Amino acid sequence: MLSQLAVSGYTLPLPTLPAETGRGPGRAQNDLLARLAKLSAAQARARVQLKEQSDRFDALYEEARHLAASPGELRELAQAVRFRELEAAAALMPQIERLRENLPTQKGNSNVPTIRSLQCLAEDALEIWISWLELYQNLQIRLYKLASDRGEGTVSPVFSDPDEAIEYLHKLVAE
């Protein structure tokens, strides 16, 4: 059966992307172009890792679904995923914040093509890191939903609009 240890078998190491942007004092154009090439290659690798992590989480979900895990086991698995997400967030959030702080300072140099390219790469790095954390969150949601659907005869309602949800909550309160 699935255990909390199973999550570690489905997680990849976090993508490594340099968080610095812009041109530092004394950097030559050739140095900047070489850095741009390295950043581009790192981001291509990170995109591949992001896709692989998504595929692994899909496989974990499918395994949980096909093994007919109990609602309690699914909730435990979702909690284990949450724990791994918190570990990933602890590592990624400082990099995300540093990059977010550095991006606005480069706007004055946005007419320089290499600086513009670095800014695009920085924005792409943010997207990759945030998407990585969202993979954990989406898997948790799917596992909790599956646990709810497998509950003891009660299935979570699915609402097509907010009015249906409000009506359902009013009925719950009235009971």
Protein backbone atom coordinates (compact mmCIF):
# COMPACT_ATOMS: atom_id res chain seq x y z
CA MET A 1 0.00 0.00 0.00
CA LEU A 2 1.03 3.57 -0.42
CA SER A 3 2.88 5.12 2.47
CA GLN A 4 4.24 8.53 3.25
CA LEU A 5 7.63 7.25 2.14
CA ALA A 6 6.19 6.64 -1.31
CA VAL A 7 6.07 10.39 -1.92
CA SER A 8 9.85 10.65 -1.83
CA GLY A 9 10.06 8.11 -4.64
CA TYR A 10 7.93 10.37 -6.82
CA THR A 11 9.66 13.68 -6.18
CA LEU A 12 12.59 15.08 -8.09
CA PRO A 13 15.23 17.41 -6.71
CA LEU A 14 14.26 21.05 -7.03
CA PRO A 15 15.27 22.79 -10.24
CA THR A 16 18.39 24.86 -9.93
CA LEU A 17 18.16 28.21 -11.59
CA PRO A 18 20.37 31.19 -10.85
CA ALA A 19 18.30 33.91 -9.21
CA GLU A 20 20.42 36.89 -10.15
CA THR A 21 19.54 39.20 -13.02
CA GLY A 22 20.96 42.21 -14.73
CA ARG A 23 24.41 43.50 -15.35
CA GLY A 24 26.84 43.91 -12.51
CA PRO A 25 29.57 46.52 -12.44
CA GLY A 26 32.51 45.68 -14.66
CA ARG A 27 30.82 42.88 -16.56
CA ALA A 28 31.88 42.68 -20.17
CA GLN A 29 29.39 42.07 -22.97
CA ASN A 30 30.98 38.67 -23.68
CA ASP A 31 30.58 37.71 -20.02
CA LEU A 32 26.93 38.74 -20.18
CA LEU A 33 26.32 36.73 -23.34
CA ALA A 34 27.98 33.65 -21.84
CA ARG A 35 25.83 34.04 -18.74
CA LEU A 36 22.74 34.40 -20.90
CA ALA A 37 23.58 31.15 -22.69
CA LYS A 38 24.10 29.30 -19.39
CA LEU A 39 20.83 30.62 -17.98
CA SER A 40 18.95 29.59 -21.11
CA ALA A 41 20.35 26.07 -20.91
CA ALA A 42 19.54 25.84 -17.19
CA GLN A 43 15.98 26.90 -17.84
CA ALA A 44 15.52 24.39 -20.62
CA ARG A 45 16.64 21.66 -18.21
CA ALA A 46 14.31 23.03 -15.51
CA ARG A 47 11.34 22.94 -17.92
CA VAL A 48 12.08 19.28 -18.66
CA GLN A 49 12.31 18.58 -14.91
CA LEU A 50 8.99 20.37 -14.34
CA LYS A 51 7.31 18.15 -16.92
CA GLU A 52 8.90 15.04 -15.43
CA GLN A 53 7.75 16.04 -11.93
CA SER A 54 4.23 16.55 -13.24
CA ASP A 55 4.30 13.10 -14.85
CA ARG A 56 5.56 11.52 -11.62
CA PHE A 57 2.79 13.12 -9.58
CA ASP A 58 0.25 11.91 -12.14
CA ALA A 59 1.67 8.40 -11.74
CA LEU A 60 1.45 8.63 -7.94
CA TYR A 61 -2.17 9.73 -8.17
CA GLU A 62 -3.01 6.92 -10.59
CA GLU A 63 -1.33 4.39 -8.31
CA ALA A 64 -3.35 5.65 -5.33
CA ARG A 65 -6.52 5.51 -7.40
CA HIS A 66 -5.94 2.00 -8.74
CA LEU A 67 -4.81 0.52 -5.42
CA ALA A 68 -8.17 1.42 -3.90
CA ALA A 69 -6.53 3.23 -1.01
CA SER A 70 -8.84 4.06 1.87
CA PRO A 71 -9.88 7.66 2.52
CA GLY A 72 -7.59 7.76 5.56
CA GLU A 73 -4.63 6.50 3.57
CA LEU A 74 -5.31 9.07 0.85
CA ARG A 75 -5.46 11.86 3.42
CA GLU A 76 -2.17 10.67 4.92
CA LEU A 77 -0.63 10.64 1.47
CA ALA A 78 -1.91 14.17 0.81
CA GLN A 79 -0.40 15.28 4.13
CA ALA A 80 2.93 13.72 3.14
CA VAL A 81 2.76 15.65 -0.14
CA ARG A 82 2.03 18.81 1.87
CA PHE A 83 5.10 18.18 4.02
CA ARG A 84 7.26 17.83 0.90
CA GLU A 85 5.71 21.01 -0.52
CA LEU A 86 6.68 22.90 2.63
CA GLU A 87 10.26 21.66 2.27
CA ALA A 88 10.32 22.75 -1.37
CA ALA A 89 8.78 26.12 -0.52
CA ALA A 90 11.38 26.71 2.20
CA ALA A 91 14.10 26.27 -0.42
CA LEU A 92 12.41 28.11 -3.29
CA MET A 93 10.73 31.07 -1.60
CA PRO A 94 13.95 32.94 -0.74
CA GLN A 95 15.03 32.60 -4.38
CA ILE A 96 11.61 33.71 -5.62
CA GLU A 97 11.62 36.73 -3.33
CA ARG A 98 15.17 37.72 -4.28
CA LEU A 99 14.31 37.47 -7.96
CA ARG A 100 11.11 39.47 -7.51
CA GLU A 101 13.09 42.18 -5.74
CA ASN A 102 15.73 42.31 -8.50
CA LEU A 103 13.34 42.41 -11.45
CA PRO A 104 11.99 45.96 -11.00
CA THR A 105 15.50 47.41 -10.60
CA GLN A 106 16.40 46.33 -14.11
CA LYS A 107 13.60 48.27 -15.84
CA GLY A 108 15.88 51.22 -16.57
CA ASN A 109 18.12 49.00 -18.69
CA SER A 110 15.27 47.37 -20.59
CA ASN A 111 16.41 48.90 -23.91
CA VAL A 112 19.56 46.76 -23.91
CA PRO A 113 18.75 43.46 -25.70
CA THR A 114 20.84 41.27 -23.38
CA ILE A 115 19.27 42.86 -20.30
CA ARG A 116 15.82 42.32 -21.81
CA SER A 117 16.72 38.69 -22.40
CA LEU A 118 17.91 38.32 -18.81
CA GLN A 119 14.65 39.83 -17.59
CA CYS A 120 12.66 37.35 -19.66
CA LEU A 121 14.73 34.50 -18.26
CA ALA A 122 14.18 35.80 -14.72
CA GLU A 123 10.43 35.94 -15.30
CA ASP A 124 10.55 32.42 -16.71
CA ALA A 125 12.47 31.22 -13.64
CA LEU A 126 9.72 32.65 -11.44
CA GLU A 127 7.13 30.81 -13.49
CA ILE A 128 9.04 27.52 -13.23
CA TRP A 129 9.51 27.77 -9.46
CA ILE A 130 5.90 28.75 -8.82
CA SER A 131 4.64 26.01 -11.15
CA TRP A 132 6.79 23.52 -9.27
CA LEU A 133 5.04 24.41 -5.99
CA GLU A 134 1.65 24.32 -7.71
CA LEU A 135 2.29 20.71 -8.73
CA TYR A 136 2.36 19.77 -5.05
CA GLN A 137 -0.80 21.72 -4.35
CA ASN A 138 -2.68 20.21 -7.28
CA LEU A 139 -1.74 16.68 -6.24
CA GLN A 140 -2.96 17.36 -2.71
CA ILE A 141 -6.28 18.64 -4.00
CA ARG A 142 -6.71 15.58 -6.21
CA LEU A 143 -5.86 13.21 -3.33
CA TYR A 144 -8.23 14.96 -0.91
CA LYS A 145 -10.98 14.87 -3.54
CA LEU A 146 -10.39 11.18 -4.13
CA ALA A 147 -10.48 10.55 -0.36
CA SER A 148 -13.72 12.48 -0.13
CA ASP A 149 -15.26 10.56 -3.02
CA ARG A 150 -14.32 7.29 -1.32
CA GLY A 151 -15.79 8.39 2.01
CA GLU A 152 -18.34 6.35 3.91
CA GLY A 153 -21.28 6.81 1.57
CA THR A 154 -20.94 10.58 1.41
CA VAL A 155 -19.72 12.23 -1.71
CA SER A 156 -18.66 15.84 -1.81
CA PRO A 157 -21.08 17.89 -3.86
CA VAL A 158 -19.86 19.51 -7.03
CA PHE A 159 -21.26 22.95 -7.74
CA SER A 160 -21.58 24.55 -11.12
CA ASP A 161 -22.02 28.07 -9.73
CA PRO A 162 -21.71 29.97 -6.44
CA ASP A 163 -25.48 30.09 -5.88
CA GLU A 164 -25.62 26.29 -5.68
CA ALA A 165 -22.85 26.32 -3.09
CA ILE A 166 -24.62 28.94 -0.99
CA GLU A 167 -27.89 27.01 -1.18
CA TYR A 168 -26.10 23.83 -0.08
CA LEU A 169 -24.48 25.61 2.87
CA HIS A 170 -27.84 27.06 3.94
CA LYS A 171 -29.28 23.54 3.97
CA LEU A 172 -26.36 22.29 6.09
CA VAL A 173 -26.81 25.09 8.60
CA ALA A 174 -30.56 24.44 8.81
CA GLU A 175 -30.00 20.75 9.71
